[in-house]
Structures are given as C-alpha cells and as structure tokens.
mmCIF file of all heavy atoms, coordinates in Angstrom:
data_MODEL
# 
_entry.id   MODEL 
# 
loop_
_atom_site.group_PDB 
_atom_site.id 
_atom_site.type_symbol 
_atom_site.label_atom_id 
_atom_site.label_alt_id 
_atom_site.label_comp_id 
_atom_site.label_asym_id 
_atom_site.label_entity_id 
_atom_site.label_seq_id 
_atom_site.pdbx_PDB_ins_code 
_atom_site.Cartn_x 
_atom_site.Cartn_y 
_atom_site.Cartn_z 
_atom_site.occupancy 
_atom_site.B_iso_or_equiv 
_atom_site.pdbx_formal_charge 
_atom_site.auth_seq_id 
_atom_site.auth_comp_id 
_atom_site.auth_asym_id 
_atom_site.auth_atom_id 
_atom_site.pdbx_PDB_model_num 
ATOM 1   N N   . TYR A 1 1  ? 4.022   -6.062  5.578   1.00 0.00 ? 1  TYR A N   1 
ATOM 2   C CA  . TYR A 1 1  ? 4.724   -6.693  6.702   1.00 0.00 ? 1  TYR A CA  1 
ATOM 3   C C   . TYR A 1 1  ? 3.924   -6.545  7.997   1.00 0.00 ? 1  TYR A C   1 
ATOM 4   O O   . TYR A 1 1  ? 3.817   -7.484  8.777   1.00 0.00 ? 1  TYR A O   1 
ATOM 5   C CB  . TYR A 1 1  ? 6.109   -6.060  6.841   1.00 0.00 ? 1  TYR A CB  1 
ATOM 6   C CG  . TYR A 1 1  ? 6.935   -6.642  7.960   1.00 0.00 ? 1  TYR A CG  1 
ATOM 7   C CD1 . TYR A 1 1  ? 7.531   -7.885  7.835   1.00 0.00 ? 1  TYR A CD1 1 
ATOM 8   C CD2 . TYR A 1 1  ? 7.119   -5.930  9.149   1.00 0.00 ? 1  TYR A CD2 1 
ATOM 9   C CE1 . TYR A 1 1  ? 8.295   -8.409  8.857   1.00 0.00 ? 1  TYR A CE1 1 
ATOM 10  C CE2 . TYR A 1 1  ? 7.868   -6.446  10.178  1.00 0.00 ? 1  TYR A CE2 1 
ATOM 11  C CZ  . TYR A 1 1  ? 8.455   -7.700  10.030  1.00 0.00 ? 1  TYR A CZ  1 
ATOM 12  O OH  . TYR A 1 1  ? 9.209   -8.225  11.046  1.00 0.00 ? 1  TYR A OH  1 
ATOM 13  N N   . ARG A 1 2  ? 3.355   -5.350  8.201   1.00 0.00 ? 2  ARG A N   1 
ATOM 14  C CA  . ARG A 1 2  ? 2.543   -5.131  9.406   1.00 0.00 ? 2  ARG A CA  1 
ATOM 15  C C   . ARG A 1 2  ? 1.249   -5.927  9.370   1.00 0.00 ? 2  ARG A C   1 
ATOM 16  O O   . ARG A 1 2  ? 0.682   -6.240  10.412  1.00 0.00 ? 2  ARG A O   1 
ATOM 17  C CB  . ARG A 1 2  ? 2.260   -3.644  9.576   1.00 0.00 ? 2  ARG A CB  1 
ATOM 18  C CG  . ARG A 1 2  ? 3.527   -2.871  9.963   1.00 0.00 ? 2  ARG A CG  1 
ATOM 19  C CD  . ARG A 1 2  ? 3.276   -1.411  10.094  1.00 0.00 ? 2  ARG A CD  1 
ATOM 20  N NE  . ARG A 1 2  ? 2.341   -1.160  11.174  1.00 0.00 ? 2  ARG A NE  1 
ATOM 21  C CZ  . ARG A 1 2  ? 1.803   0.021   11.412  1.00 0.00 ? 2  ARG A CZ  1 
ATOM 22  N NH1 . ARG A 1 2  ? 2.118   1.052   10.645  1.00 0.00 ? 2  ARG A NH1 1 
ATOM 23  N NH2 . ARG A 1 2  ? 0.962   0.186   12.395  1.00 0.00 ? 2  ARG A NH2 1 
ATOM 24  N N   . LEU A 1 3  ? 0.780   -6.249  8.166   1.00 0.00 ? 3  LEU A N   1 
ATOM 25  C CA  . LEU A 1 3  ? -0.408  -7.089  8.041   1.00 0.00 ? 3  LEU A CA  1 
ATOM 26  C C   . LEU A 1 3  ? -0.139  -8.502  8.559   1.00 0.00 ? 3  LEU A C   1 
ATOM 27  O O   . LEU A 1 3  ? -1.018  -9.121  9.173   1.00 0.00 ? 3  LEU A O   1 
ATOM 28  C CB  . LEU A 1 3  ? -0.861  -7.149  6.578   1.00 0.00 ? 3  LEU A CB  1 
ATOM 29  C CG  . LEU A 1 3  ? -2.059  -8.049  6.270   1.00 0.00 ? 3  LEU A CG  1 
ATOM 30  C CD1 . LEU A 1 3  ? -3.318  -7.450  6.885   1.00 0.00 ? 3  LEU A CD1 1 
ATOM 31  C CD2 . LEU A 1 3  ? -2.211  -8.223  4.778   1.00 0.00 ? 3  LEU A CD2 1 
ATOM 32  N N   . LEU A 1 4  ? 1.062   -8.985  8.358   1.00 0.00 ? 4  LEU A N   1 
ATOM 33  C CA  . LEU A 1 4  ? 1.406   -10.326 8.834   1.00 0.00 ? 4  LEU A CA  1 
ATOM 34  C C   . LEU A 1 4  ? 1.337   -10.452 10.348  1.00 0.00 ? 4  LEU A C   1 
ATOM 35  O O   . LEU A 1 4  ? 1.033   -11.516 10.883  1.00 0.00 ? 4  LEU A O   1 
ATOM 36  C CB  . LEU A 1 4  ? 2.812   -10.718 8.359   1.00 0.00 ? 4  LEU A CB  1 
ATOM 37  C CG  . LEU A 1 4  ? 2.976   -10.951 6.862   1.00 0.00 ? 4  LEU A CG  1 
ATOM 38  C CD1 . LEU A 1 4  ? 4.432   -11.223 6.535   1.00 0.00 ? 4  LEU A CD1 1 
ATOM 39  C CD2 . LEU A 1 4  ? 2.097   -12.100 6.411   1.00 0.00 ? 4  LEU A CD2 1 
ATOM 40  N N   . PHE A 1 5  ? 1.628   -9.364  11.051  1.00 0.00 ? 5  PHE A N   1 
ATOM 41  C CA  . PHE A 1 5  ? 1.622   -9.389  12.513  1.00 0.00 ? 5  PHE A CA  1 
ATOM 42  C C   . PHE A 1 5  ? 0.356   -8.769  13.102  1.00 0.00 ? 5  PHE A C   1 
ATOM 43  O O   . PHE A 1 5  ? 0.344   -8.360  14.270  1.00 0.00 ? 5  PHE A O   1 
ATOM 44  C CB  . PHE A 1 5  ? 2.862   -8.675  13.056  1.00 0.00 ? 5  PHE A CB  1 
ATOM 45  C CG  . PHE A 1 5  ? 4.131   -9.389  12.692  1.00 0.00 ? 5  PHE A CG  1 
ATOM 46  C CD1 . PHE A 1 5  ? 4.989   -8.875  11.737  1.00 0.00 ? 5  PHE A CD1 1 
ATOM 47  C CD2 . PHE A 1 5  ? 4.461   -10.594 13.281  1.00 0.00 ? 5  PHE A CD2 1 
ATOM 48  C CE1 . PHE A 1 5  ? 6.144   -9.526  11.392  1.00 0.00 ? 5  PHE A CE1 1 
ATOM 49  C CE2 . PHE A 1 5  ? 5.617   -11.262 12.946  1.00 0.00 ? 5  PHE A CE2 1 
ATOM 50  C CZ  . PHE A 1 5  ? 6.466   -10.731 11.993  1.00 0.00 ? 5  PHE A CZ  1 
ATOM 51  N N   . ASP A 1 6  ? -0.708  -8.679  12.316  1.00 0.00 ? 6  ASP A N   1 
ATOM 52  C CA  . ASP A 1 6  ? -2.017  -8.178  12.746  1.00 0.00 ? 6  ASP A CA  1 
ATOM 53  C C   . ASP A 1 6  ? -1.961  -6.775  13.336  1.00 0.00 ? 6  ASP A C   1 
ATOM 54  O O   . ASP A 1 6  ? -2.677  -6.451  14.276  1.00 0.00 ? 6  ASP A O   1 
ATOM 55  C CB  . ASP A 1 6  ? -2.667  -9.140  13.744  1.00 0.00 ? 6  ASP A CB  1 
ATOM 56  C CG  . ASP A 1 6  ? -3.044  -10.449 13.090  1.00 0.00 ? 6  ASP A CG  1 
ATOM 57  O OD1 . ASP A 1 6  ? -3.342  -10.432 11.881  1.00 0.00 ? 6  ASP A OD1 1 
ATOM 58  O OD2 . ASP A 1 6  ? -3.033  -11.486 13.782  1.00 0.00 ? 6  ASP A OD2 1 
ATOM 59  N N   . GLN A 1 7  ? -1.104  -5.936  12.777  1.00 0.00 ? 7  GLN A N   1 
ATOM 60  C CA  . GLN A 1 7  ? -1.045  -4.547  13.215  1.00 0.00 ? 7  GLN A CA  1 
ATOM 61  C C   . GLN A 1 7  ? -1.884  -3.638  12.324  1.00 0.00 ? 7  GLN A C   1 
ATOM 62  O O   . GLN A 1 7  ? -2.212  -2.519  12.706  1.00 0.00 ? 7  GLN A O   1 
ATOM 63  C CB  . GLN A 1 7  ? 0.403   -4.064  13.241  1.00 0.00 ? 7  GLN A CB  1 
ATOM 64  C CG  . GLN A 1 7  ? 1.247   -4.804  14.267  1.00 0.00 ? 7  GLN A CG  1 
ATOM 65  C CD  . GLN A 1 7  ? 2.707   -4.392  14.197  1.00 0.00 ? 7  GLN A CD  1 
ATOM 66  O OE1 . GLN A 1 7  ? 3.098   -3.643  13.306  1.00 0.00 ? 7  GLN A OE1 1 
ATOM 67  N NE2 . GLN A 1 7  ? 3.497   -4.885  15.123  1.00 0.00 ? 7  GLN A NE2 1 
ATOM 68  N N   . LEU A 1 8  ? -2.207  -4.107  11.116  1.00 0.00 ? 8  LEU A N   1 
ATOM 69  C CA  . LEU A 1 8  ? -3.043  -3.356  10.182  1.00 0.00 ? 8  LEU A CA  1 
ATOM 70  C C   . LEU A 1 8  ? -4.113  -4.280  9.627   1.00 0.00 ? 8  LEU A C   1 
ATOM 71  O O   . LEU A 1 8  ? -3.937  -5.496  9.575   1.00 0.00 ? 8  LEU A O   1 
ATOM 72  C CB  . LEU A 1 8  ? -2.221  -2.813  9.004   1.00 0.00 ? 8  LEU A CB  1 
ATOM 73  C CG  . LEU A 1 8  ? -1.326  -1.606  9.241   1.00 0.00 ? 8  LEU A CG  1 
ATOM 74  C CD1 . LEU A 1 8  ? -0.572  -1.261  7.973   1.00 0.00 ? 8  LEU A CD1 1 
ATOM 75  C CD2 . LEU A 1 8  ? -2.132  -0.416  9.690   1.00 0.00 ? 8  LEU A CD2 1 
ATOM 76  N N   . GLU A 1 9  ? -5.195  -3.669  9.176   1.00 0.00 ? 9  GLU A N   1 
ATOM 77  C CA  . GLU A 1 9  ? -6.243  -4.440  8.519   1.00 0.00 ? 9  GLU A CA  1 
ATOM 78  C C   . GLU A 1 9  ? -5.955  -4.502  7.030   1.00 0.00 ? 9  GLU A C   1 
ATOM 79  O O   . GLU A 1 9  ? -5.217  -3.683  6.484   1.00 0.00 ? 9  GLU A O   1 
ATOM 80  C CB  . GLU A 1 9  ? -7.601  -3.793  8.761   1.00 0.00 ? 9  GLU A CB  1 
ATOM 81  C CG  . GLU A 1 9  ? -8.035  -3.801  10.205  1.00 0.00 ? 9  GLU A CG  1 
ATOM 82  C CD  . GLU A 1 9  ? -9.370  -3.105  10.393  1.00 0.00 ? 9  GLU A CD  1 
ATOM 83  O OE1 . GLU A 1 9  ? -10.000 -2.750  9.372   1.00 0.00 ? 9  GLU A OE1 1 
ATOM 84  O OE2 . GLU A 1 9  ? -9.764  -2.925  11.544  1.00 0.00 ? 9  GLU A OE2 1 
ATOM 85  N N   . ILE A 1 10 ? -6.568  -5.451  6.357   1.00 0.00 ? 10 ILE A N   1 
ATOM 86  C CA  . ILE A 1 10 ? -6.325  -5.647  4.930   1.00 0.00 ? 10 ILE A CA  1 
ATOM 87  C C   . ILE A 1 10 ? -6.802  -4.443  4.115   1.00 0.00 ? 10 ILE A C   1 
ATOM 88  O O   . ILE A 1 10 ? -6.179  -4.090  3.113   1.00 0.00 ? 10 ILE A O   1 
ATOM 89  C CB  . ILE A 1 10 ? -6.983  -6.961  4.439   1.00 0.00 ? 10 ILE A CB  1 
ATOM 90  C CG1 . ILE A 1 10 ? -6.581  -7.266  2.984   1.00 0.00 ? 10 ILE A CG1 1 
ATOM 91  C CG2 . ILE A 1 10 ? -8.481  -6.895  4.559   1.00 0.00 ? 10 ILE A CG2 1 
ATOM 92  C CD1 . ILE A 1 10 ? -5.172  -7.678  2.809   1.00 0.00 ? 10 ILE A CD1 1 
ATOM 93  N N   . THR A 1 11 ? -7.865  -3.787  4.562   1.00 0.00 ? 11 THR A N   1 
ATOM 94  C CA  . THR A 1 11 ? -8.350  -2.623  3.812   1.00 0.00 ? 11 THR A CA  1 
ATOM 95  C C   . THR A 1 11 ? -7.345  -1.476  3.854   1.00 0.00 ? 11 THR A C   1 
ATOM 96  O O   . THR A 1 11 ? -7.141  -0.793  2.854   1.00 0.00 ? 11 THR A O   1 
ATOM 97  C CB  . THR A 1 11 ? -9.703  -2.149  4.358   1.00 0.00 ? 11 THR A CB  1 
ATOM 98  O OG1 . THR A 1 11 ? -9.585  -1.887  5.745   1.00 0.00 ? 11 THR A OG1 1 
ATOM 99  C CG2 . THR A 1 11 ? -10.773 -3.181  4.105   1.00 0.00 ? 11 THR A CG2 1 
ATOM 100 N N   . GLN A 1 12 ? -6.707  -1.278  4.999   1.00 0.00 ? 12 GLN A N   1 
ATOM 101 C CA  . GLN A 1 12 ? -5.698  -0.231  5.105   1.00 0.00 ? 12 GLN A CA  1 
ATOM 102 C C   . GLN A 1 12 ? -4.490  -0.549  4.225   1.00 0.00 ? 12 GLN A C   1 
ATOM 103 O O   . GLN A 1 12 ? -3.916  0.339   3.599   1.00 0.00 ? 12 GLN A O   1 
ATOM 104 C CB  . GLN A 1 12 ? -5.257  -0.059  6.547   1.00 0.00 ? 12 GLN A CB  1 
ATOM 105 C CG  . GLN A 1 12 ? -6.321  0.510   7.446   1.00 0.00 ? 12 GLN A CG  1 
ATOM 106 C CD  . GLN A 1 12 ? -5.873  0.561   8.895   1.00 0.00 ? 12 GLN A CD  1 
ATOM 107 O OE1 . GLN A 1 12 ? -4.977  -0.181  9.296   1.00 0.00 ? 12 GLN A OE1 1 
ATOM 108 N NE2 . GLN A 1 12 ? -6.503  1.427   9.669   1.00 0.00 ? 12 GLN A NE2 1 
ATOM 109 N N   . VAL A 1 13 ? -4.117  -1.817  4.169   1.00 0.00 ? 13 VAL A N   1 
ATOM 110 C CA  . VAL A 1 13 ? -2.980  -2.221  3.350   1.00 0.00 ? 13 VAL A CA  1 
ATOM 111 C C   . VAL A 1 13 ? -3.302  -2.027  1.873   1.00 0.00 ? 13 VAL A C   1 
ATOM 112 O O   . VAL A 1 13 ? -2.476  -1.522  1.105   1.00 0.00 ? 13 VAL A O   1 
ATOM 113 C CB  . VAL A 1 13 ? -2.593  -3.690  3.650   1.00 0.00 ? 13 VAL A CB  1 
ATOM 114 C CG1 . VAL A 1 13 ? -1.520  -4.169  2.709   1.00 0.00 ? 13 VAL A CG1 1 
ATOM 115 C CG2 . VAL A 1 13 ? -2.136  -3.819  5.094   1.00 0.00 ? 13 VAL A CG2 1 
ATOM 116 N N   . LEU A 1 14 ? -4.502  -2.385  1.473   1.00 0.00 ? 14 LEU A N   1 
ATOM 117 C CA  . LEU A 1 14 ? -4.886  -2.221  0.073   1.00 0.00 ? 14 LEU A CA  1 
ATOM 118 C C   . LEU A 1 14 ? -4.999  -0.753  -0.315  1.00 0.00 ? 14 LEU A C   1 
ATOM 119 O O   . LEU A 1 14 ? -4.655  -0.377  -1.437  1.00 0.00 ? 14 LEU A O   1 
ATOM 120 C CB  . LEU A 1 14 ? -6.188  -2.963  -0.203  1.00 0.00 ? 14 LEU A CB  1 
ATOM 121 C CG  . LEU A 1 14 ? -6.086  -4.491  -0.146  1.00 0.00 ? 14 LEU A CG  1 
ATOM 122 C CD1 . LEU A 1 14 ? -7.453  -5.124  -0.352  1.00 0.00 ? 14 LEU A CD1 1 
ATOM 123 C CD2 . LEU A 1 14 ? -5.091  -5.007  -1.163  1.00 0.00 ? 14 LEU A CD2 1 
ATOM 124 N N   . VAL A 1 15 ? -5.476  0.083   0.595   1.00 0.00 ? 15 VAL A N   1 
ATOM 125 C CA  . VAL A 1 15 ? -5.541  1.519   0.321   1.00 0.00 ? 15 VAL A CA  1 
ATOM 126 C C   . VAL A 1 15 ? -4.132  2.076   0.155   1.00 0.00 ? 15 VAL A C   1 
ATOM 127 O O   . VAL A 1 15 ? -3.870  2.878   -0.751  1.00 0.00 ? 15 VAL A O   1 
ATOM 128 C CB  . VAL A 1 15 ? -6.309  2.260   1.437   1.00 0.00 ? 15 VAL A CB  1 
ATOM 129 C CG1 . VAL A 1 15 ? -6.099  3.757   1.359   1.00 0.00 ? 15 VAL A CG1 1 
ATOM 130 C CG2 . VAL A 1 15 ? -7.779  1.919   1.362   1.00 0.00 ? 15 VAL A CG2 1 
ATOM 131 N N   . ARG A 1 16 ? -3.212  1.661   0.990   1.00 0.00 ? 16 ARG A N   1 
ATOM 132 C CA  . ARG A 1 16 ? -1.825  2.120   0.860   1.00 0.00 ? 16 ARG A CA  1 
ATOM 133 C C   . ARG A 1 16 ? -1.214  1.656   -0.452  1.00 0.00 ? 16 ARG A C   1 
ATOM 134 O O   . ARG A 1 16 ? -0.444  2.381   -1.091  1.00 0.00 ? 16 ARG A O   1 
ATOM 135 C CB  . ARG A 1 16 ? -0.988  1.641   2.040   1.00 0.00 ? 16 ARG A CB  1 
ATOM 136 C CG  . ARG A 1 16 ? -1.352  2.337   3.326   1.00 0.00 ? 16 ARG A CG  1 
ATOM 137 C CD  . ARG A 1 16 ? -0.512  1.865   4.468   1.00 0.00 ? 16 ARG A CD  1 
ATOM 138 N NE  . ARG A 1 16 ? -0.989  2.457   5.718   1.00 0.00 ? 16 ARG A NE  1 
ATOM 139 C CZ  . ARG A 1 16 ? -0.248  2.585   6.797   1.00 0.00 ? 16 ARG A CZ  1 
ATOM 140 N NH1 . ARG A 1 16 ? 0.983   2.142   6.798   1.00 0.00 ? 16 ARG A NH1 1 
ATOM 141 N NH2 . ARG A 1 16 ? -0.749  3.134   7.883   1.00 0.00 ? 16 ARG A NH2 1 
ATOM 142 N N   . PHE A 1 17 ? -1.548  0.442   -0.871  1.00 0.00 ? 17 PHE A N   1 
ATOM 143 C CA  . PHE A 1 17 ? -1.054  -0.051  -2.153  1.00 0.00 ? 17 PHE A CA  1 
ATOM 144 C C   . PHE A 1 17 ? -1.653  0.758   -3.308  1.00 0.00 ? 17 PHE A C   1 
ATOM 145 O O   . PHE A 1 17 ? -0.947  1.123   -4.244  1.00 0.00 ? 17 PHE A O   1 
ATOM 146 C CB  . PHE A 1 17 ? -1.377  -1.535  -2.323  1.00 0.00 ? 17 PHE A CB  1 
ATOM 147 C CG  . PHE A 1 17 ? -0.979  -2.089  -3.652  1.00 0.00 ? 17 PHE A CG  1 
ATOM 148 C CD1 . PHE A 1 17 ? 0.355   -2.312  -3.953  1.00 0.00 ? 17 PHE A CD1 1 
ATOM 149 C CD2 . PHE A 1 17 ? -1.928  -2.377  -4.616  1.00 0.00 ? 17 PHE A CD2 1 
ATOM 150 C CE1 . PHE A 1 17 ? 0.734   -2.812  -5.187  1.00 0.00 ? 17 PHE A CE1 1 
ATOM 151 C CE2 . PHE A 1 17 ? -1.567  -2.877  -5.850  1.00 0.00 ? 17 PHE A CE2 1 
ATOM 152 C CZ  . PHE A 1 17 ? -0.234  -3.099  -6.137  1.00 0.00 ? 17 PHE A CZ  1 
ATOM 153 N N   . LEU A 1 18 ? -2.953  1.048   -3.237  1.00 0.00 ? 18 LEU A N   1 
ATOM 154 C CA  . LEU A 1 18 ? -3.586  1.823   -4.294  1.00 0.00 ? 18 LEU A CA  1 
ATOM 155 C C   . LEU A 1 18 ? -3.062  3.255   -4.355  1.00 0.00 ? 18 LEU A C   1 
ATOM 156 O O   . LEU A 1 18 ? -3.014  3.854   -5.422  1.00 0.00 ? 18 LEU A O   1 
ATOM 157 C CB  . LEU A 1 18 ? -5.109  1.827   -4.109  1.00 0.00 ? 18 LEU A CB  1 
ATOM 158 C CG  . LEU A 1 18 ? -5.792  0.493   -4.393  1.00 0.00 ? 18 LEU A CG  1 
ATOM 159 C CD1 . LEU A 1 18 ? -7.284  0.590   -4.096  1.00 0.00 ? 18 LEU A CD1 1 
ATOM 160 C CD2 . LEU A 1 18 ? -5.555  0.070   -5.823  1.00 0.00 ? 18 LEU A CD2 1 
ATOM 161 N N   . ILE A 1 19 ? -2.670  3.807   -3.231  1.00 0.00 ? 19 ILE A N   1 
ATOM 162 C CA  . ILE A 1 19 ? -2.050  5.128   -3.223  1.00 0.00 ? 19 ILE A CA  1 
ATOM 163 C C   . ILE A 1 19 ? -0.637  5.046   -3.806  1.00 0.00 ? 19 ILE A C   1 
ATOM 164 O O   . ILE A 1 19 ? -0.175  5.954   -4.496  1.00 0.00 ? 19 ILE A O   1 
ATOM 165 C CB  . ILE A 1 19 ? -2.038  5.714   -1.797  1.00 0.00 ? 19 ILE A CB  1 
ATOM 166 C CG1 . ILE A 1 19 ? -3.463  6.043   -1.369  1.00 0.00 ? 19 ILE A CG1 1 
ATOM 167 C CG2 . ILE A 1 19 ? -1.149  6.934   -1.692  1.00 0.00 ? 19 ILE A CG2 1 
ATOM 168 C CD1 . ILE A 1 19 ? -3.603  6.422   0.081   1.00 0.00 ? 19 ILE A CD1 1 
ATOM 169 N N   . ALA A 1 20 ? 0.044   3.937   -3.564  1.00 0.00 ? 20 ALA A N   1 
ATOM 170 C CA  . ALA A 1 20 ? 1.418   3.781   -4.045  1.00 0.00 ? 20 ALA A CA  1 
ATOM 171 C C   . ALA A 1 20 ? 1.483   3.584   -5.564  1.00 0.00 ? 20 ALA A C   1 
ATOM 172 O O   . ALA A 1 20 ? 2.503   3.888   -6.170  1.00 0.00 ? 20 ALA A O   1 
ATOM 173 C CB  . ALA A 1 20 ? 2.081   2.601   -3.337  1.00 0.00 ? 20 ALA A CB  1 
ATOM 174 N N   . VAL A 1 21 ? 0.416   3.093   -6.187  1.00 0.00 ? 21 VAL A N   1 
ATOM 175 C CA  . VAL A 1 21 ? 0.453   2.825   -7.633  1.00 0.00 ? 21 VAL A CA  1 
ATOM 176 C C   . VAL A 1 21 ? 0.646   4.112   -8.445  1.00 0.00 ? 21 VAL A C   1 
ATOM 177 O O   . VAL A 1 21 ? 1.562   4.171   -9.277  1.00 0.00 ? 21 VAL A O   1 
ATOM 178 C CB  . VAL A 1 21 ? -0.799  2.040   -8.079  1.00 0.00 ? 21 VAL A CB  1 
ATOM 179 C CG1 . VAL A 1 21 ? -0.894  1.995   -9.589  1.00 0.00 ? 21 VAL A CG1 1 
ATOM 180 C CG2 . VAL A 1 21 ? -0.765  0.629   -7.517  1.00 0.00 ? 21 VAL A CG2 1 
ATOM 181 N N   . PRO A 1 22 ? -0.145  5.166   -8.271  1.00 0.00 ? 22 PRO A N   1 
ATOM 182 C CA  . PRO A 1 22 ? 0.128   6.372   -9.077  1.00 0.00 ? 22 PRO A CA  1 
ATOM 183 C C   . PRO A 1 22 ? 1.448   7.046   -8.721  1.00 0.00 ? 22 PRO A C   1 
ATOM 184 O O   . PRO A 1 22 ? 2.098   7.632   -9.591  1.00 0.00 ? 22 PRO A O   1 
ATOM 185 C CB  . PRO A 1 22 ? -1.062  7.288   -8.794  1.00 0.00 ? 22 PRO A CB  1 
ATOM 186 C CG  . PRO A 1 22 ? -1.723  6.750   -7.605  1.00 0.00 ? 22 PRO A CG  1 
ATOM 187 C CD  . PRO A 1 22 ? -1.363  5.314   -7.488  1.00 0.00 ? 22 PRO A CD  1 
ATOM 188 N N   . ILE A 1 23 ? 1.850   6.958   -7.460  1.00 0.00 ? 23 ILE A N   1 
ATOM 189 C CA  . ILE A 1 23 ? 3.134   7.535   -7.066  1.00 0.00 ? 23 ILE A CA  1 
ATOM 190 C C   . ILE A 1 23 ? 4.270   6.796   -7.772  1.00 0.00 ? 23 ILE A C   1 
ATOM 191 O O   . ILE A 1 23 ? 5.201   7.406   -8.298  1.00 0.00 ? 23 ILE A O   1 
ATOM 192 C CB  . ILE A 1 23 ? 3.297   7.496   -5.532  1.00 0.00 ? 23 ILE A CB  1 
ATOM 193 C CG1 . ILE A 1 23 ? 2.287   8.430   -4.889  1.00 0.00 ? 23 ILE A CG1 1 
ATOM 194 C CG2 . ILE A 1 23 ? 4.718   7.858   -5.123  1.00 0.00 ? 23 ILE A CG2 1 
ATOM 195 C CD1 . ILE A 1 23 ? 2.204   8.315   -3.384  1.00 0.00 ? 23 ILE A CD1 1 
ATOM 196 N N   . ALA A 1 24 ? 4.195   5.477   -7.808  1.00 0.00 ? 24 ALA A N   1 
ATOM 197 C CA  . ALA A 1 24 ? 5.211   4.683   -8.495  1.00 0.00 ? 24 ALA A CA  1 
ATOM 198 C C   . ALA A 1 24 ? 5.202   4.967   -9.989  1.00 0.00 ? 24 ALA A C   1 
ATOM 199 O O   . ALA A 1 24 ? 6.260   5.020   -10.625 1.00 0.00 ? 24 ALA A O   1 
ATOM 200 C CB  . ALA A 1 24 ? 4.974   3.193   -8.231  1.00 0.00 ? 24 ALA A CB  1 
ATOM 201 N N   . ALA A 1 25 ? 4.017   5.163   -10.569 1.00 0.00 ? 25 ALA A N   1 
ATOM 202 C CA  . ALA A 1 25 ? 3.932   5.461   -12.001 1.00 0.00 ? 25 ALA A CA  1 
ATOM 203 C C   . ALA A 1 25 ? 4.604   6.788   -12.326 1.00 0.00 ? 25 ALA A C   1 
ATOM 204 O O   . ALA A 1 25 ? 5.343   6.897   -13.318 1.00 0.00 ? 25 ALA A O   1 
ATOM 205 C CB  . ALA A 1 25 ? 2.472   5.472   -12.439 1.00 0.00 ? 25 ALA A CB  1 
ATOM 206 N N   . VAL A 1 26 ? 4.377   7.794   -11.497 1.00 0.00 ? 26 VAL A N   1 
ATOM 207 C CA  . VAL A 1 26 ? 4.995   9.108   -11.724 1.00 0.00 ? 26 VAL A CA  1 
ATOM 208 C C   . VAL A 1 26 ? 6.508   9.024   -11.544 1.00 0.00 ? 26 VAL A C   1 
ATOM 209 O O   . VAL A 1 26 ? 7.274   9.573   -12.348 1.00 0.00 ? 26 VAL A O   1 
ATOM 210 C CB  . VAL A 1 26 ? 4.366   10.165  -10.791 1.00 0.00 ? 26 VAL A CB  1 
ATOM 211 C CG1 . VAL A 1 26 ? 5.170   11.457  -10.793 1.00 0.00 ? 26 VAL A CG1 1 
ATOM 212 C CG2 . VAL A 1 26 ? 2.925   10.412  -11.167 1.00 0.00 ? 26 VAL A CG2 1 
ATOM 213 N N   . LEU A 1 27 ? 6.965   8.342   -10.503 1.00 0.00 ? 27 LEU A N   1 
ATOM 214 C CA  . LEU A 1 27 ? 8.400   8.227   -10.265 1.00 0.00 ? 27 LEU A CA  1 
ATOM 215 C C   . LEU A 1 27 ? 9.107   7.474   -11.387 1.00 0.00 ? 27 LEU A C   1 
ATOM 216 O O   . LEU A 1 27 ? 10.186  7.868   -11.840 1.00 0.00 ? 27 LEU A O   1 
ATOM 217 C CB  . LEU A 1 27 ? 8.656   7.554   -8.920  1.00 0.00 ? 27 LEU A CB  1 
ATOM 218 C CG  . LEU A 1 27 ? 8.317   8.382   -7.682  1.00 0.00 ? 27 LEU A CG  1 
ATOM 219 C CD1 . LEU A 1 27 ? 8.495   7.551   -6.416  1.00 0.00 ? 27 LEU A CD1 1 
ATOM 220 C CD2 . LEU A 1 27 ? 9.187   9.623   -7.623  1.00 0.00 ? 27 LEU A CD2 1 
ATOM 221 N N   . LEU A 1 28 ? 8.518   6.384   -11.843 1.00 0.00 ? 28 LEU A N   1 
ATOM 222 C CA  . LEU A 1 28 ? 9.142   5.624   -12.925 1.00 0.00 ? 28 LEU A CA  1 
ATOM 223 C C   . LEU A 1 28 ? 9.074   6.368   -14.251 1.00 0.00 ? 28 LEU A C   1 
ATOM 224 O O   . LEU A 1 28 ? 9.990   6.264   -15.074 1.00 0.00 ? 28 LEU A O   1 
ATOM 225 C CB  . LEU A 1 28 ? 8.499   4.243   -13.045 1.00 0.00 ? 28 LEU A CB  1 
ATOM 226 C CG  . LEU A 1 28 ? 8.891   3.259   -11.942 1.00 0.00 ? 28 LEU A CG  1 
ATOM 227 C CD1 . LEU A 1 28 ? 8.158   1.944   -12.113 1.00 0.00 ? 28 LEU A CD1 1 
ATOM 228 C CD2 . LEU A 1 28 ? 10.385  3.020   -11.935 1.00 0.00 ? 28 LEU A CD2 1 
ATOM 229 N N   . ALA A 1 29 ? 8.014   7.131   -14.483 1.00 0.00 ? 29 ALA A N   1 
ATOM 230 C CA  . ALA A 1 29 ? 7.943   7.938   -15.706 1.00 0.00 ? 29 ALA A CA  1 
ATOM 231 C C   . ALA A 1 29 ? 9.021   9.023   -15.694 1.00 0.00 ? 29 ALA A C   1 
ATOM 232 O O   . ALA A 1 29 ? 9.655   9.288   -16.721 1.00 0.00 ? 29 ALA A O   1 
ATOM 233 C CB  . ALA A 1 29 ? 6.560   8.554   -15.844 1.00 0.00 ? 29 ALA A CB  1 
# 
C-alpha cells in the first residue's frame, strides 16, 4: 500500500515480502 503512494521503494517492499514468506510458513504450519 505504501508503495502505491511512493513512500517505499520496490526493493524494500520485496524484502518485506521475502521476510514474510517464512514467517507465514511457520504460522500456517
């Protein structure tokens, strides 16, 4: 959402997504 309003760069958003993937995997497991 912050990427849409130019508050974050795409690399920061992708890093946050990549960090969220293992966290989501552990939570769902």
